[in-house]
Amino acid sequence: MAGRPLKVVVLAAGQGTRMKSDLPKALHPVLGRPMVDYVIEAARALEPERLIVVVGHRAGEVREHVGDGVTYALQQPQLGTGHALLCAAGALGDQEADVVLLAVDVPLVRADTLSGLLAHHRRAGAAATVLTARVPDPTGYGRIVRDQDGNIRRIVEEKDASPALRAINEINTCIYCFQWPEILSPLSRLTALNRQGEFYLVDIVALLLANGRPVETVEAADPGEVEGVNDPAQLARAEARMKTDAIRHPERVREPWEGSRGDP
């Protein structure tokens, strides 16, 4: 399985309304750099055969900033994370590959976390592998539902979760590995029968398991690294974390990558 080529998909189509900014979410600065830069930098460190950026809201501005060296897929309108990956299907092609998928709002994610997820996925021969985290406050995140043996059974988005499920503190980070094109079939069977009226990528887990296909999980060693930046409070925490990391680990300080064209 380790011989399969690697492709990476970055979901960067969102508007980011909770940031209370006119900027597209992908271009919102974190310590002076658009958050998309950090995520693409981590993705590039995996040396994928192809790096695909899914754009949507103000797509032209995001493309102008990111520049060349990536493949773009357009999600218009934005109908959820499952729909976003489906929009990238053409760019992914028919070739068998391992696909790492992550959202643009995790600027703290490190390349070694992604490579560890990929390595586990390949060793296990899983159809899908989900990066999870255990957090003191899971508000806003999808919850990981496991059976009595500790195996993942499904992921439930918060708006669709019962009070009992909302008490679960293991969350979905929206970072995955998939076998492509195997997941294309369940991806095309997603429905929008949920409170948000969106095509949830998380529903692929239950569909794969129902077909007898293995789904694995990897728990993030550092939950703070995979915290999403969706509002000003989360942005402040991310910036504080980056400053602390720069003091403790100066070798990890990230410089602007070559493809960046500067501030939008």
C-alpha atoms as a PDB file:
ATOM      1  CA  MET A   1       0.000   0.000   0.000  1.00  0.00           C
ATOM      2  CA  ALA A   2       2.910   2.347   0.595  1.00  0.00           C
ATOM      3  CA  GLY A   3       3.558   2.314  -3.144  1.00  0.00           C
ATOM      4  CA  ARG A   4       0.324   4.118  -3.970  1.00  0.00           C
ATOM      5  CA  PRO A   5       0.820   7.705  -5.109  1.00  0.00           C
ATOM      6  CA  LEU A   6      -0.228  10.474  -2.742  1.00  0.00           C
ATOM      7  CA  LYS A   7      -2.539  13.361  -3.505  1.00  0.00           C
ATOM      8  CA  VAL A   8      -3.629  16.089  -1.102  1.00  0.00           C
ATOM      9  CA  VAL A   9      -6.895  18.035  -1.130  1.00  0.00           C
ATOM     10  CA  VAL A  10      -7.229  21.318   0.774  1.00  0.00           C
ATOM     11  CA  LEU A  11     -10.792  22.561   1.308  1.00  0.00           C
ATOM     12  CA  ALA A  12     -10.628  26.342   0.913  1.00  0.00           C
ATOM     13  CA  ALA A  13     -14.035  27.283  -0.480  1.00  0.00           C
ATOM     14  CA  GLY A  14     -15.680  28.610   2.674  1.00  0.00           C
ATOM     15  CA  GLN A  15     -16.822  32.134   3.393  1.00  0.00           C
ATOM     16  CA  GLY A  16     -15.869  32.162   7.071  1.00  0.00           C
ATOM     17  CA  THR A  17     -18.769  34.335   8.219  1.00  0.00           C
ATOM     18  CA  ARG A  18     -17.973  33.800  11.923  1.00  0.00           C
ATOM     19  CA  MET A  19     -14.617  35.529  11.473  1.00  0.00           C
ATOM     20  CA  LYS A  20     -16.511  38.840  11.089  1.00  0.00           C
ATOM     21  CA  SER A  21     -14.237  39.865   8.233  1.00  0.00           C
ATOM     22  CA  ASP A  22     -14.711  40.765   4.580  1.00  0.00           C
ATOM     23  CA  LEU A  23     -11.886  38.417   3.602  1.00  0.00           C
ATOM     24  CA  PRO A  24     -12.437  34.884   2.309  1.00  0.00           C
ATOM     25  CA  LYS A  25     -11.727  32.443   5.119  1.00  0.00           C
ATOM     26  CA  ALA A  26      -8.632  31.062   3.384  1.00  0.00           C
ATOM     27  CA  LEU A  27      -7.051  34.512   3.236  1.00  0.00           C
ATOM     28  CA  HIS A  28      -7.717  35.541   6.811  1.00  0.00           C
ATOM     29  CA  PRO A  29      -4.337  36.388   8.388  1.00  0.00           C
ATOM     30  CA  VAL A  30      -2.873  34.414  11.264  1.00  0.00           C
ATOM     31  CA  LEU A  31       0.142  36.323  12.583  1.00  0.00           C
ATOM     32  CA  GLY A  32       0.227  38.283   9.362  1.00  0.00           C
ATOM     33  CA  ARG A  33       0.021  35.348   6.939  1.00  0.00           C
ATOM     34  CA  PRO A  34      -3.135  34.044   5.256  1.00  0.00           C
ATOM     35  CA  MET A  35      -4.071  30.792   6.937  1.00  0.00           C
ATOM     36  CA  VAL A  36      -4.060  28.948   3.615  1.00  0.00           C
ATOM     37  CA  ASP A  37      -0.273  29.419   3.476  1.00  0.00           C
ATOM     38  CA  TYR A  38       0.282  27.383   6.629  1.00  0.00           C
ATOM     39  CA  VAL A  39      -1.910  24.521   5.465  1.00  0.00           C
ATOM     40  CA  ILE A  40      -0.382  24.371   1.990  1.00  0.00           C
ATOM     41  CA  GLU A  41       3.075  24.438   3.525  1.00  0.00           C
ATOM     42  CA  ALA A  42       2.254  21.399   5.668  1.00  0.00           C
ATOM     43  CA  ALA A  43       0.691  19.660   2.671  1.00  0.00           C
ATOM     44  CA  ARG A  44       3.705  20.314   0.436  1.00  0.00           C
ATOM     45  CA  ALA A  45       6.008  18.751   3.018  1.00  0.00           C
ATOM     46  CA  LEU A  46       4.327  15.406   2.258  1.00  0.00           C
ATOM     47  CA  GLU A  47       5.609  15.716  -1.332  1.00  0.00           C
ATOM     48  CA  PRO A  48       2.307  14.742  -2.955  1.00  0.00           C
ATOM     49  CA  GLU A  49       2.056  13.887  -6.617  1.00  0.00           C
ATOM     50  CA  ARG A  50      -0.728  16.452  -6.854  1.00  0.00           C
ATOM     51  CA  LEU A  51      -1.970  19.177  -4.506  1.00  0.00           C
ATOM     52  CA  ILE A  52      -5.567  20.220  -5.122  1.00  0.00           C
ATOM     53  CA  VAL A  53      -7.112  23.340  -3.612  1.00  0.00           C
ATOM     54  CA  VAL A  54     -10.916  23.506  -3.634  1.00  0.00           C
ATOM     55  CA  VAL A  55     -12.005  27.130  -3.990  1.00  0.00           C
ATOM     56  CA  GLY A  56     -15.453  28.703  -3.984  1.00  0.00           C
ATOM     57  CA  HIS A  57     -16.222  31.949  -2.171  1.00  0.00           C
ATOM     58  CA  ARG A  58     -14.269  34.704  -3.963  1.00  0.00           C
ATOM     59  CA  ALA A  59     -12.323  31.994  -5.729  1.00  0.00           C
ATOM     60  CA  GLY A  60     -10.381  34.428  -7.892  1.00  0.00           C
ATOM     61  CA  GLU A  61      -8.808  36.145  -4.894  1.00  0.00           C
ATOM     62  CA  VAL A  62      -7.776  32.848  -3.331  1.00  0.00           C
ATOM     63  CA  ARG A  63      -6.268  31.659  -6.615  1.00  0.00           C
ATOM     64  CA  GLU A  64      -4.457  34.952  -7.079  1.00  0.00           C
ATOM     65  CA  HIS A  65      -2.838  34.605  -3.672  1.00  0.00           C
ATOM     66  CA  VAL A  66      -1.966  30.913  -3.812  1.00  0.00           C
ATOM     67  CA  GLY A  67      -0.680  31.156  -7.366  1.00  0.00           C
ATOM     68  CA  ASP A  68       0.690  28.376  -9.546  1.00  0.00           C
ATOM     69  CA  GLY A  69       1.945  24.944  -8.573  1.00  0.00           C
ATOM     70  CA  VAL A  70      -1.413  23.580  -7.413  1.00  0.00           C
ATOM     71  CA  THR A  71      -4.496  22.246  -9.167  1.00  0.00           C
ATOM     72  CA  TYR A  72      -7.739  24.099  -8.519  1.00  0.00           C
ATOM     73  CA  ALA A  73     -11.241  22.670  -8.215  1.00  0.00           C
ATOM     74  CA  LEU A  74     -14.297  24.927  -8.015  1.00  0.00           C
ATOM     75  CA  GLN A  75     -17.088  24.341  -5.496  1.00  0.00           C
ATOM     76  CA  GLN A  76     -19.967  26.582  -6.445  1.00  0.00           C
ATOM     77  CA  PRO A  77     -22.279  26.711  -4.578  1.00  0.00           C
ATOM     78  CA  GLN A  78     -20.847  25.416  -1.300  1.00  0.00           C
ATOM     79  CA  LEU A  79     -23.004  22.456  -0.268  1.00  0.00           C
ATOM     80  CA  GLY A  80     -20.849  20.861   2.413  1.00  0.00           C
ATOM     81  CA  THR A  81     -17.589  18.988   2.832  1.00  0.00           C
ATOM     82  CA  GLY A  82     -18.761  15.889   0.977  1.00  0.00           C
ATOM     83  CA  HIS A  83     -19.786  18.038  -1.957  1.00  0.00           C
ATOM     84  CA  ALA A  84     -16.397  19.768  -1.822  1.00  0.00           C
ATOM     85  CA  LEU A  85     -14.514  16.498  -2.243  1.00  0.00           C
ATOM     86  CA  LEU A  86     -16.871  15.471  -5.031  1.00  0.00           C
ATOM     87  CA  CYS A  87     -15.995  18.729  -6.792  1.00  0.00           C
ATOM     88  CA  ALA A  88     -12.339  17.651  -6.628  1.00  0.00           C
ATOM     89  CA  ALA A  89     -13.046  14.255  -8.217  1.00  0.00           C
ATOM     90  CA  GLY A  90     -12.122  15.422 -11.700  1.00  0.00           C
ATOM     91  CA  ALA A  91      -8.772  16.713 -10.498  1.00  0.00           C
ATOM     92  CA  LEU A  92      -8.122  13.482  -8.597  1.00  0.00           C
ATOM     93  CA  GLY A  93      -8.762  11.407 -11.711  1.00  0.00           C
ATOM     94  CA  ASP A  94      -9.189   7.631 -11.948  1.00  0.00           C
ATOM     95  CA  GLN A  95      -5.731   6.626 -10.737  1.00  0.00           C
ATOM     96  CA  GLU A  96      -5.521   4.644  -7.508  1.00  0.00           C
ATOM     97  CA  ALA A  97      -4.040   6.867  -4.831  1.00  0.00           C
ATOM     98  CA  ASP A  98      -4.018   7.717  -1.171  1.00  0.00           C
ATOM     99  CA  VAL A  99      -5.684  11.067  -0.589  1.00  0.00           C
ATOM    100  CA  VAL A 100      -5.002  13.250   2.426  1.00  0.00           C
ATOM    101  CA  LEU A 101      -7.778  15.784   2.916  1.00  0.00           C
ATOM    102  CA  LEU A 102      -7.742  18.727   5.299  1.00  0.00           C
ATOM    103  CA  ALA A 103      -9.589  21.976   5.762  1.00  0.00           C
ATOM    104  CA  VAL A 104      -7.965  25.364   5.355  1.00  0.00           C
ATOM    105  CA  ASP A 105      -8.753  26.410   8.935  1.00  0.00           C
ATOM    106  CA  VAL A 106      -6.090  24.343  10.749  1.00  0.00           C
ATOM    107  CA  PRO A 107      -3.012  26.583  10.410  1.00  0.00           C
ATOM    108  CA  LEU A 108      -1.248  24.905  13.336  1.00  0.00           C
ATOM    109  CA  VAL A 109      -1.235  21.432  11.815  1.00  0.00           C
ATOM    110  CA  ARG A 110       2.242  20.001  11.377  1.00  0.00           C
ATOM    111  CA  ALA A 111       3.548  17.923   8.515  1.00  0.00           C
ATOM    112  CA  ASP A 112       4.670  15.124  10.825  1.00  0.00           C
ATOM    113  CA  THR A 113       1.110  14.772  12.118  1.00  0.00           C
ATOM    114  CA  LEU A 114      -0.144  14.381   8.555  1.00  0.00           C
ATOM    115  CA  SER A 115       2.622  11.940   7.672  1.00  0.00           C
ATOM    116  CA  GLY A 116       1.844   9.885  10.778  1.00  0.00           C
ATOM    117  CA  LEU A 117      -1.811   9.719   9.765  1.00  0.00           C
ATOM    118  CA  LEU A 118      -0.842   8.632   6.259  1.00  0.00           C
ATOM    119  CA  ALA A 119       1.567   5.986   7.546  1.00  0.00           C
ATOM    120  CA  HIS A 120      -1.098   4.452   9.804  1.00  0.00           C
ATOM    121  CA  HIS A 121      -3.626   4.515   6.961  1.00  0.00           C
ATOM    122  CA  ARG A 122      -1.258   2.648   4.662  1.00  0.00           C
ATOM    123  CA  ARG A 123      -0.192   0.097   7.275  1.00  0.00           C
ATOM    124  CA  ALA A 124      -3.803  -0.692   8.138  1.00  0.00           C
ATOM    125  CA  GLY A 125      -4.951  -0.883   4.527  1.00  0.00           C
ATOM    126  CA  ALA A 126      -7.984   1.171   5.529  1.00  0.00           C
ATOM    127  CA  ALA A 127     -10.512   2.606   3.125  1.00  0.00           C
ATOM    128  CA  ALA A 128     -10.577   5.718   5.306  1.00  0.00           C
ATOM    129  CA  THR A 129      -8.647   6.957   8.323  1.00  0.00           C
ATOM    130  CA  VAL A 130      -9.854   9.836  10.477  1.00  0.00           C
ATOM    131  CA  LEU A 131      -7.658  12.085  12.602  1.00  0.00           C
ATOM    132  CA  THR A 132      -9.452  12.641  15.905  1.00  0.00           C
ATOM    133  CA  ALA A 133      -8.705  14.611  19.056  1.00  0.00           C
ATOM    134  CA  ARG A 134      -9.923  14.602  22.647  1.00  0.00           C
ATOM    135  CA  VAL A 135     -10.666  18.096  23.871  1.00  0.00           C
ATOM    136  CA  PRO A 136     -12.083  19.599  27.073  1.00  0.00           C
ATOM    137  CA  ASP A 137     -14.667  21.595  25.125  1.00  0.00           C
ATOM    138  CA  PRO A 138     -15.944  19.857  21.969  1.00  0.00           C
ATOM    139  CA  THR A 139     -18.448  22.598  21.117  1.00  0.00           C
ATOM    140  CA  GLY A 140     -18.775  23.122  17.387  1.00  0.00           C
ATOM    141  CA  TYR A 141     -17.166  19.854  16.304  1.00  0.00           C
ATOM    142  CA  GLY A 142     -18.490  16.556  15.002  1.00  0.00           C
ATOM    143  CA  ARG A 143     -18.383  13.760  17.579  1.00  0.00           C
ATOM    144  CA  ILE A 144     -16.701  10.382  17.124  1.00  0.00           C
ATOM    145  CA  VAL A 145     -19.146   7.590  17.996  1.00  0.00           C
ATOM    146  CA  ARG A 146     -17.572   4.251  18.916  1.00  0.00           C
ATOM    147  CA  ASP A 147     -18.975   0.829  19.740  1.00  0.00           C
ATOM    148  CA  GLN A 148     -18.377  -1.063  22.992  1.00  0.00           C
ATOM    149  CA  ASP A 149     -15.118  -2.430  21.589  1.00  0.00           C
ATOM    150  CA  GLY A 150     -13.812   1.046  20.861  1.00  0.00           C
ATOM    151  CA  ASN A 151     -14.202   0.863  17.088  1.00  0.00           C
ATOM    152  CA  ILE A 152     -15.461   3.903  15.222  1.00  0.00           C
ATOM    153  CA  ARG A 153     -19.029   3.496  13.991  1.00  0.00           C
ATOM    154  CA  ARG A 154     -19.935   6.957  12.727  1.00  0.00           C
ATOM    155  CA  ILE A 155     -19.335  10.677  13.068  1.00  0.00           C
ATOM    156  CA  VAL A 156     -22.215  12.944  14.038  1.00  0.00           C
ATOM    157  CA  GLU A 157     -22.125  16.680  13.412  1.00  0.00           C
ATOM    158  CA  GLU A 158     -22.999  18.752  16.457  1.00  0.00           C
ATOM    159  CA  LYS A 159     -26.206  20.201  15.023  1.00  0.00           C
ATOM    160  CA  ASP A 160     -27.505  16.665  14.485  1.00  0.00           C
ATOM    161  CA  ALA A 161     -26.261  15.227  17.797  1.00  0.00           C
ATOM    162  CA  SER A 162     -28.425  14.264  20.757  1.00  0.00           C
ATOM    163  CA  PRO A 163     -27.488  15.544  24.231  1.00  0.00           C
ATOM    164  CA  ALA A 164     -25.830  12.186  24.949  1.00  0.00           C
ATOM    165  CA  LEU A 165     -23.681  12.404  21.828  1.00  0.00           C
ATOM    166  CA  ARG A 166     -22.793  16.011  22.540  1.00  0.00           C
ATOM    167  CA  ALA A 167     -21.255  14.836  25.810  1.00  0.00           C
ATOM    168  CA  ILE A 168     -18.596  12.931  23.830  1.00  0.00           C
ATOM    169  CA  ASN A 169     -15.287  14.787  23.914  1.00  0.00           C
ATOM    170  CA  GLU A 170     -13.578  12.979  21.023  1.00  0.00           C
ATOM    171  CA  ILE A 171     -13.953  15.138  17.932  1.00  0.00           C
ATOM    172  CA  ASN A 172     -13.507  14.964  14.197  1.00  0.00           C
ATOM    173  CA  THR A 173     -10.679  17.265  13.063  1.00  0.00           C
ATOM    174  CA  CYS A 174     -11.797  17.207   9.401  1.00  0.00           C
ATOM    175  CA  ILE A 175      -8.426  15.686   8.484  1.00  0.00           C
ATOM    176  CA  TYR A 176      -8.628  12.334   6.710  1.00  0.00           C
ATOM    177  CA  CYS A 177      -6.867   9.788   4.531  1.00  0.00           C
ATOM    178  CA  PHE A 178      -8.870   7.957   1.880  1.00  0.00           C
ATOM    179  CA  GLN A 179      -8.285   5.275  -0.698  1.00  0.00           C
ATOM    180  CA  TRP A 180      -9.136   6.765  -4.062  1.00  0.00           C
ATOM    181  CA  PRO A 181     -11.195   6.062  -6.132  1.00  0.00           C
ATOM    182  CA  GLU A 182     -12.773   3.541  -3.741  1.00  0.00           C
ATOM    183  CA  ILE A 183     -14.546   6.250  -1.771  1.00  0.00           C
ATOM    184  CA  LEU A 184     -16.045   7.783  -4.909  1.00  0.00           C
ATOM    185  CA  SER A 185     -18.986   5.376  -4.789  1.00  0.00           C
ATOM    186  CA  PRO A 186     -20.078   6.180  -1.204  1.00  0.00           C
ATOM    187  CA  LEU A 187     -19.258   9.827  -1.856  1.00  0.00           C
ATOM    188  CA  SER A 188     -21.775   9.904  -4.695  1.00  0.00           C
ATOM    189  CA  ARG A 189     -24.413   8.356  -2.397  1.00  0.00           C
ATOM    190  CA  LEU A 190     -24.287  11.081   0.244  1.00  0.00           C
ATOM    191  CA  THR A 191     -27.550  12.856   1.005  1.00  0.00           C
ATOM    192  CA  ALA A 192     -28.318  16.244   2.513  1.00  0.00           C
ATOM    193  CA  LEU A 193     -30.965  14.958   4.918  1.00  0.00           C
ATOM    194  CA  ASN A 194     -29.655  16.768   7.975  1.00  0.00           C
ATOM    195  CA  ARG A 195     -30.211  19.997   9.874  1.00  0.00           C
ATOM    196  CA  GLN A 196     -27.767  21.959   7.744  1.00  0.00           C
ATOM    197  CA  GLY A 197     -29.017  20.642   4.414  1.00  0.00           C
ATOM    198  CA  GLU A 198     -25.451  19.807   3.386  1.00  0.00           C
ATOM    199  CA  PHE A 199     -23.600  16.793   2.030  1.00  0.00           C
ATOM    200  CA  TYR A 200     -21.488  15.757   5.014  1.00  0.00           C
ATOM    201  CA  LEU A 201     -18.182  14.055   4.326  1.00  0.00           C
ATOM    202  CA  VAL A 202     -18.439  12.444   7.765  1.00  0.00           C
ATOM    203  CA  ASP A 203     -21.297  10.239   6.535  1.00  0.00           C
ATOM    204  CA  ILE A 204     -18.792   8.296   4.418  1.00  0.00           C
ATOM    205  CA  VAL A 205     -17.624   6.531   7.587  1.00  0.00           C
ATOM    206  CA  ALA A 206     -20.956   4.788   8.181  1.00  0.00           C
ATOM    207  CA  LEU A 207     -21.379   4.021   4.470  1.00  0.00           C
ATOM    208  CA  LEU A 208     -17.966   2.364   4.244  1.00  0.00           C
ATOM    209  CA  LEU A 209     -18.520   0.328   7.407  1.00  0.00           C
ATOM    210  CA  ALA A 210     -21.938  -0.792   6.147  1.00  0.00           C
ATOM    211  CA  ASN A 211     -20.158  -2.176   3.074  1.00  0.00           C
ATOM    212  CA  GLY A 212     -17.664  -4.062   5.232  1.00  0.00           C
ATOM    213  CA  ARG A 213     -14.764  -1.732   4.482  1.00  0.00           C
ATOM    214  CA  PRO A 214     -12.284  -0.872   7.261  1.00  0.00           C
ATOM    215  CA  VAL A 215     -12.211   2.611   8.775  1.00  0.00           C
ATOM    216  CA  GLU A 216      -9.380   3.544  11.128  1.00  0.00           C
ATOM    217  CA  THR A 217      -8.730   6.450  13.488  1.00  0.00           C
ATOM    218  CA  VAL A 218      -5.589   8.157  14.727  1.00  0.00           C
ATOM    219  CA  GLU A 219      -5.777  10.394  17.785  1.00  0.00           C
ATOM    220  CA  ALA A 220      -3.799  13.620  17.587  1.00  0.00           C
ATOM    221  CA  ALA A 221      -1.082  13.758  20.228  1.00  0.00           C
ATOM    222  CA  ASP A 222      -1.609  17.503  20.616  1.00  0.00           C
ATOM    223  CA  PRO A 223      -5.268  18.582  20.327  1.00  0.00           C
ATOM    224  CA  GLY A 224      -4.296  22.256  20.111  1.00  0.00           C
ATOM    225  CA  GLU A 225      -2.493  21.600  16.854  1.00  0.00           C
ATOM    226  CA  VAL A 226      -5.709  20.633  15.070  1.00  0.00           C
ATOM    227  CA  GLU A 227      -8.052  23.233  16.548  1.00  0.00           C
ATOM    228  CA  GLY A 228     -10.018  24.951  13.818  1.00  0.00           C
ATOM    229  CA  VAL A 229      -9.903  28.722  13.383  1.00  0.00           C
ATOM    230  CA  ASN A 230     -13.515  29.708  12.792  1.00  0.00           C
ATOM    231  CA  ASP A 231     -14.031  32.810  14.928  1.00  0.00           C
ATOM    232  CA  PRO A 232     -11.994  35.625  16.527  1.00  0.00           C
ATOM    233  CA  ALA A 233     -11.553  33.732  19.816  1.00  0.00           C
ATOM    234  CA  GLN A 234     -10.087  30.698  18.055  1.00  0.00           C
ATOM    235  CA  LEU A 235      -7.893  33.001  15.987  1.00  0.00           C
ATOM    236  CA  ALA A 236      -6.507  34.583  19.158  1.00  0.00           C
ATOM    237  CA  ARG A 237      -5.722  31.147  20.599  1.00  0.00           C
ATOM    238  CA  ALA A 238      -3.993  30.066  17.393  1.00  0.00           C
ATOM    239  CA  GLU A 239      -1.845  33.189  17.306  1.00  0.00           C
ATOM    240  CA  ALA A 240      -0.908  32.811  20.977  1.00  0.00           C
ATOM    241  CA  ARG A 241      -0.001  29.182  20.346  1.00  0.00           C
ATOM    242  CA  MET A 242       2.183  30.126  17.364  1.00  0.00           C
ATOM    243  CA  LYS A 243       4.050  32.699  19.424  1.00  0.00           C
ATOM    244  CA  THR A 244       4.651  30.187  22.214  1.00  0.00           C
ATOM    245  CA  ASP A 245       5.825  27.545  19.749  1.00  0.00           C
ATOM    246  CA  ALA A 246       8.217  30.029  18.148  1.00  0.00           C
ATOM    247  CA  ILE A 247       9.877  30.603  21.522  1.00  0.00           C
ATOM    248  CA  ARG A 248      10.016  26.933  22.515  1.00  0.00           C
ATOM    249  CA  HIS A 249      10.851  25.558  19.057  1.00  0.00           C
ATOM    250  CA  PRO A 250      12.453  28.255  16.887  1.00  0.00           C
ATOM    251  CA  GLU A 251      13.365  25.612  14.311  1.00  0.00           C
ATOM    252  CA  ARG A 252       9.652  25.231  13.551  1.00  0.00           C
ATOM    253  CA  VAL A 253       9.074  28.892  12.678  1.00  0.00           C
ATOM    254  CA  ARG A 254       7.497  28.972   9.257  1.00  0.00           C
ATOM    255  CA  GLU A 255       8.687  31.306   6.545  1.00  0.00           C
ATOM    256  CA  PRO A 256       6.530  32.334   3.568  1.00  0.00           C
ATOM    257  CA  TRP A 257       6.572  29.547   0.976  1.00  0.00           C
ATOM    258  CA  GLU A 258       7.735  30.235  -2.569  1.00  0.00           C
ATOM    259  CA  GLY A 259       4.305  30.069  -4.164  1.00  0.00           C
ATOM    260  CA  SER A 260       2.868  32.812  -1.965  1.00  0.00           C
ATOM    261  CA  ARG A 261       2.320  36.154  -3.619  1.00  0.00           C
ATOM    262  CA  GLY A 262       2.161  38.095  -0.392  1.00  0.00           C
ATOM    263  CA  ASP A 263      -0.755  39.614   1.429  1.00  0.00           C
ATOM    264  CA  PRO A 264      -3.959  39.828  -0.558  1.00  0.00           C
END
